[in-house]
Amino acid sequence: MDFVNHTDQLLNNLGFNNKHKGTRYLKDALDIVNSHPNEKIQLTIKLYPEIAELHQVKPANVERSIRHAIEKAWSNGLEQIFNEQGRYVKPTIGELIKFLKDG
């Protein structure tokens, strides 16, 4: 299975909905992170501005949309998955990206 389909399926299984812009931005974030596997990518300095440029929005909109998508996914299955792993708090964007990247 290619990376895009795998990412779509993974996010869907975690409770993310494609109707949210934040889900699409999160997919872009994963693409960027996976294209630089050995590089520590700073969210506010590199990642959000790069995604914002792709979609012609402000970096703050990217961050807010991803947080909103996490909020919705949290009540749509993400919380249960995290709880099963002994994690009982909603992840930050950076924590979620690391969780998704590490598989």
N, C-alpha and C. Protein backbone atom coordinates (compact mmCIF):
# COMPACT_ATOMS: atom_id res chain seq x y z
N MET A 1 0.85 -1.19 0.00
CA MET A 1 0.00 0.00 0.00
C MET A 1 0.89 1.24 0.00
N ASP A 2 0.56 2.22 -0.83
CA ASP A 2 1.40 3.40 -0.88
C ASP A 2 1.16 4.29 0.33
N PHE A 3 2.10 5.23 0.50
CA PHE A 3 2.11 6.07 1.70
C PHE A 3 0.82 6.87 1.85
N VAL A 4 0.31 7.45 0.76
CA VAL A 4 -0.89 8.29 0.83
C VAL A 4 -2.09 7.48 1.30
N ASN A 5 -2.30 6.31 0.69
CA ASN A 5 -3.44 5.48 1.10
C ASN A 5 -3.28 4.99 2.53
N HIS A 6 -2.05 4.66 2.90
CA HIS A 6 -1.78 4.21 4.27
C HIS A 6 -2.10 5.32 5.26
N THR A 7 -1.67 6.54 4.94
CA THR A 7 -1.92 7.69 5.82
C THR A 7 -3.42 7.96 5.93
N ASP A 8 -4.12 7.93 4.81
CA ASP A 8 -5.58 8.15 4.82
C ASP A 8 -6.26 7.11 5.71
N GLN A 9 -5.89 5.86 5.54
CA GLN A 9 -6.51 4.79 6.31
C GLN A 9 -6.18 4.91 7.79
N LEU A 10 -4.92 5.22 8.09
CA LEU A 10 -4.50 5.37 9.48
C LEU A 10 -5.28 6.49 10.17
N LEU A 11 -5.34 7.66 9.53
CA LEU A 11 -6.06 8.78 10.13
C LEU A 11 -7.55 8.48 10.27
N ASN A 12 -8.12 7.83 9.29
CA ASN A 12 -9.53 7.45 9.36
C ASN A 12 -9.76 6.49 10.53
N ASN A 13 -8.88 5.53 10.72
CA ASN A 13 -9.00 4.57 11.83
C ASN A 13 -8.87 5.25 13.18
N LEU A 14 -8.16 6.37 13.23
CA LEU A 14 -7.96 7.09 14.48
C LEU A 14 -9.09 8.08 14.77
N GLY A 15 -10.04 8.20 13.85
CA GLY A 15 -11.19 9.08 14.08
C GLY A 15 -11.12 10.41 13.38
N PHE A 16 -10.12 10.60 12.53
CA PHE A 16 -10.02 11.86 11.78
C PHE A 16 -10.96 11.82 10.59
N ASN A 17 -11.53 12.98 10.27
CA ASN A 17 -12.50 13.09 9.18
C ASN A 17 -11.92 13.98 8.09
N ASN A 18 -11.99 13.51 6.86
CA ASN A 18 -11.44 14.28 5.74
C ASN A 18 -12.14 15.60 5.50
N LYS A 19 -13.32 15.80 6.08
CA LYS A 19 -14.01 17.07 5.86
C LYS A 19 -13.34 18.22 6.61
N HIS A 20 -12.49 17.90 7.59
CA HIS A 20 -11.79 18.94 8.34
C HIS A 20 -10.51 19.33 7.63
N LYS A 21 -10.31 20.64 7.48
CA LYS A 21 -9.08 21.12 6.85
C LYS A 21 -7.86 20.64 7.63
N GLY A 22 -7.99 20.57 8.94
CA GLY A 22 -6.87 20.14 9.78
C GLY A 22 -6.40 18.73 9.46
N THR A 23 -7.32 17.87 9.04
CA THR A 23 -6.93 16.51 8.65
C THR A 23 -6.07 16.57 7.40
N ARG A 24 -6.47 17.40 6.44
CA ARG A 24 -5.66 17.55 5.22
C ARG A 24 -4.30 18.16 5.54
N TYR A 25 -4.27 19.13 6.45
CA TYR A 25 -3.00 19.74 6.84
C TYR A 25 -2.12 18.71 7.56
N LEU A 26 -2.74 17.87 8.36
CA LEU A 26 -2.00 16.83 9.07
C LEU A 26 -1.37 15.84 8.08
N LYS A 27 -2.09 15.52 7.03
CA LYS A 27 -1.53 14.65 5.97
C LYS A 27 -0.31 15.32 5.33
N ASP A 28 -0.43 16.61 5.07
CA ASP A 28 0.71 17.34 4.50
C ASP A 28 1.89 17.32 5.48
N ALA A 29 1.59 17.50 6.76
CA ALA A 29 2.65 17.49 7.77
C ALA A 29 3.37 16.14 7.77
N LEU A 30 2.62 15.06 7.67
CA LEU A 30 3.22 13.73 7.66
C LEU A 30 4.06 13.53 6.40
N ASP A 31 3.59 14.05 5.27
CA ASP A 31 4.38 13.97 4.03
C ASP A 31 5.72 14.68 4.21
N ILE A 32 5.67 15.87 4.79
CA ILE A 32 6.88 16.68 4.98
C ILE A 32 7.83 15.98 5.95
N VAL A 33 7.29 15.52 7.07
CA VAL A 33 8.11 14.85 8.07
C VAL A 33 8.74 13.57 7.50
N ASN A 34 7.96 12.82 6.74
CA ASN A 34 8.49 11.58 6.17
C ASN A 34 9.48 11.82 5.04
N SER A 35 9.42 12.98 4.42
CA SER A 35 10.40 13.27 3.37
C SER A 35 11.72 13.76 3.94
N HIS A 36 11.75 14.02 5.24
CA HIS A 36 12.98 14.42 5.96
C HIS A 36 13.12 13.53 7.21
N PRO A 37 13.31 12.21 7.04
CA PRO A 37 13.23 11.29 8.17
C PRO A 37 14.25 11.52 9.28
N ASN A 38 15.42 12.06 8.96
CA ASN A 38 16.46 12.22 9.97
C ASN A 38 16.55 13.64 10.51
N GLU A 39 15.62 14.48 10.09
CA GLU A 39 15.65 15.89 10.46
C GLU A 39 14.58 16.18 11.51
N LYS A 40 14.95 16.93 12.53
CA LYS A 40 13.97 17.37 13.52
C LYS A 40 13.32 18.63 12.96
N ILE A 41 12.05 18.54 12.64
CA ILE A 41 11.36 19.65 11.99
C ILE A 41 10.60 20.47 13.04
N GLN A 42 10.93 21.75 13.11
CA GLN A 42 10.26 22.63 14.06
C GLN A 42 8.91 23.03 13.50
N LEU A 43 7.88 22.84 14.33
CA LEU A 43 6.51 23.07 13.88
C LEU A 43 6.27 24.52 13.46
N THR A 44 6.53 25.45 14.36
CA THR A 44 6.15 26.84 14.08
C THR A 44 7.11 27.53 13.12
N ILE A 45 8.34 27.05 13.04
CA ILE A 45 9.32 27.72 12.19
C ILE A 45 9.32 27.15 10.77
N LYS A 46 9.13 25.84 10.62
CA LYS A 46 9.21 25.24 9.30
C LYS A 46 7.89 24.60 8.83
N LEU A 47 7.31 23.76 9.68
CA LEU A 47 6.19 22.94 9.23
C LEU A 47 4.93 23.76 8.93
N TYR A 48 4.46 24.54 9.89
CA TYR A 48 3.23 25.32 9.66
C TYR A 48 3.38 26.29 8.48
N PRO A 49 4.50 27.03 8.39
CA PRO A 49 4.64 27.94 7.24
C PRO A 49 4.66 27.20 5.89
N GLU A 50 5.28 26.03 5.86
CA GLU A 50 5.34 25.27 4.60
C GLU A 50 3.94 24.80 4.18
N ILE A 51 3.18 24.30 5.14
CA ILE A 51 1.81 23.86 4.84
C ILE A 51 0.94 25.06 4.47
N ALA A 52 1.11 26.16 5.19
CA ALA A 52 0.34 27.38 4.92
C ALA A 52 0.59 27.86 3.50
N GLU A 53 1.84 27.80 3.06
CA GLU A 53 2.16 28.23 1.70
C GLU A 53 1.48 27.33 0.67
N LEU A 54 1.45 26.03 0.93
CA LEU A 54 0.78 25.10 0.01
C LEU A 54 -0.70 25.44 -0.18
N HIS A 55 -1.34 25.87 0.91
CA HIS A 55 -2.79 26.10 0.89
C HIS A 55 -3.16 27.59 0.86
N GLN A 56 -2.15 28.44 0.80
CA GLN A 56 -2.36 29.89 0.75
C GLN A 56 -3.20 30.39 1.92
N VAL A 57 -2.79 29.98 3.11
CA VAL A 57 -3.40 30.45 4.35
C VAL A 57 -2.27 30.88 5.29
N LYS A 58 -2.62 31.38 6.45
CA LYS A 58 -1.62 31.78 7.43
C LYS A 58 -1.20 30.57 8.27
N PRO A 59 0.05 30.55 8.73
CA PRO A 59 0.51 29.44 9.59
C PRO A 59 -0.38 29.23 10.82
N ALA A 60 -0.89 30.32 11.39
CA ALA A 60 -1.77 30.19 12.57
C ALA A 60 -3.04 29.42 12.21
N ASN A 61 -3.54 29.59 10.98
CA ASN A 61 -4.73 28.85 10.55
C ASN A 61 -4.43 27.36 10.47
N VAL A 62 -3.22 27.02 10.01
CA VAL A 62 -2.82 25.61 9.92
C VAL A 62 -2.82 24.99 11.31
N GLU A 63 -2.17 25.67 12.25
CA GLU A 63 -2.11 25.15 13.62
C GLU A 63 -3.51 25.00 14.22
N ARG A 64 -4.33 26.02 14.09
CA ARG A 64 -5.67 25.98 14.66
C ARG A 64 -6.51 24.87 14.02
N SER A 65 -6.40 24.70 12.72
CA SER A 65 -7.17 23.66 12.03
C SER A 65 -6.74 22.26 12.45
N ILE A 66 -5.44 22.06 12.62
CA ILE A 66 -4.97 20.74 13.07
C ILE A 66 -5.44 20.48 14.50
N ARG A 67 -5.36 21.50 15.36
CA ARG A 67 -5.85 21.32 16.74
C ARG A 67 -7.34 20.98 16.75
N HIS A 68 -8.10 21.61 15.87
CA HIS A 68 -9.54 21.34 15.78
C HIS A 68 -9.77 19.89 15.32
N ALA A 69 -9.00 19.44 14.34
CA ALA A 69 -9.13 18.06 13.85
C ALA A 69 -8.79 17.07 14.96
N ILE A 70 -7.77 17.37 15.76
CA ILE A 70 -7.41 16.50 16.89
C ILE A 70 -8.55 16.46 17.89
N GLU A 71 -9.13 17.62 18.18
CA GLU A 71 -10.26 17.71 19.12
C GLU A 71 -11.41 16.82 18.66
N LYS A 72 -11.76 16.91 17.39
CA LYS A 72 -12.86 16.10 16.86
C LYS A 72 -12.51 14.62 16.87
N ALA A 73 -11.29 14.30 16.47
CA ALA A 73 -10.87 12.89 16.44
C ALA A 73 -10.81 12.31 17.85
N TRP A 74 -10.46 13.14 18.82
CA TRP A 74 -10.36 12.68 20.21
C TRP A 74 -11.69 12.12 20.68
N SER A 75 -12.77 12.76 20.31
CA SER A 75 -14.09 12.27 20.72
C SER A 75 -14.67 11.27 19.73
N ASN A 76 -13.89 10.95 18.68
CA ASN A 76 -14.37 10.05 17.65
C ASN A 76 -13.50 8.79 17.53
N GLY A 77 -12.78 8.46 18.60
CA GLY A 77 -12.00 7.22 18.59
C GLY A 77 -10.55 7.37 18.99
N LEU A 78 -9.96 8.54 18.80
CA LEU A 78 -8.55 8.74 19.13
C LEU A 78 -8.30 8.56 20.63
N GLU A 79 -9.20 9.07 21.45
CA GLU A 79 -9.03 8.95 22.90
C GLU A 79 -8.94 7.49 23.32
N GLN A 80 -9.82 6.67 22.80
CA GLN A 80 -9.83 5.25 23.15
C GLN A 80 -8.51 4.59 22.76
N ILE A 81 -8.01 4.90 21.58
CA ILE A 81 -6.75 4.31 21.11
C ILE A 81 -5.59 4.74 22.01
N PHE A 82 -5.56 6.02 22.37
CA PHE A 82 -4.50 6.50 23.25
C PHE A 82 -4.63 5.87 24.65
N ASN A 83 -5.86 5.78 25.15
CA ASN A 83 -6.07 5.18 26.47
C ASN A 83 -5.59 3.73 26.51
N GLU A 84 -5.81 2.99 25.41
CA GLU A 84 -5.37 1.60 25.35
C GLU A 84 -3.85 1.49 25.43
N GLN A 85 -3.16 2.56 25.06
CA GLN A 85 -1.70 2.57 25.11
C GLN A 85 -1.18 3.21 26.40
N GLY A 86 -2.09 3.47 27.32
CA GLY A 86 -1.69 4.06 28.60
C GLY A 86 -1.48 5.57 28.54
N ARG A 87 -1.98 6.18 27.51
CA ARG A 87 -1.89 7.64 27.37
C ARG A 87 -3.28 8.20 27.62
N TYR A 88 -3.40 9.10 28.58
CA TYR A 88 -4.73 9.55 28.98
C TYR A 88 -4.97 11.03 28.75
N VAL A 89 -4.07 11.68 28.05
CA VAL A 89 -4.28 13.09 27.74
C VAL A 89 -4.24 13.27 26.22
N LYS A 90 -4.97 14.25 25.76
CA LYS A 90 -5.02 14.56 24.34
C LYS A 90 -3.61 14.98 23.89
N PRO A 91 -3.14 14.43 22.77
CA PRO A 91 -1.78 14.77 22.33
C PRO A 91 -1.70 16.17 21.75
N THR A 92 -0.52 16.75 21.89
CA THR A 92 -0.25 18.01 21.19
C THR A 92 -0.05 17.65 19.72
N ILE A 93 0.04 18.65 18.89
CA ILE A 93 0.27 18.39 17.46
C ILE A 93 1.60 17.66 17.27
N GLY A 94 2.63 18.13 17.95
CA GLY A 94 3.94 17.49 17.83
C GLY A 94 3.91 16.04 18.30
N GLU A 95 3.23 15.79 19.42
CA GLU A 95 3.13 14.41 19.94
C GLU A 95 2.36 13.52 18.97
N LEU A 96 1.31 14.06 18.37
CA LEU A 96 0.52 13.27 17.44
C LEU A 96 1.33 12.95 16.18
N ILE A 97 2.05 13.92 15.67
CA ILE A 97 2.87 13.69 14.48
C ILE A 97 3.92 12.63 14.78
N LYS A 98 4.55 12.71 15.95
CA LYS A 98 5.54 11.70 16.33
C LYS A 98 4.89 10.32 16.45
N PHE A 99 3.72 10.26 17.07
CA PHE A 99 2.97 9.01 17.21
C PHE A 99 2.66 8.40 15.84
N LEU A 100 2.21 9.24 14.92
CA LEU A 100 1.86 8.75 13.58
C LEU A 100 3.11 8.36 12.79
N LYS A 101 4.16 9.12 12.95
CA LYS A 101 5.40 8.86 12.21
C LYS A 101 6.05 7.55 12.69
N ASP A 102 6.02 7.34 13.99
CA ASP A 102 6.66 6.15 14.57
C ASP A 102 5.83 4.90 14.38
N GLY A 103 4.59 5.10 13.95
CA GLY A 103 3.74 3.99 13.60
C GLY A 103 3.02 3.39 14.75
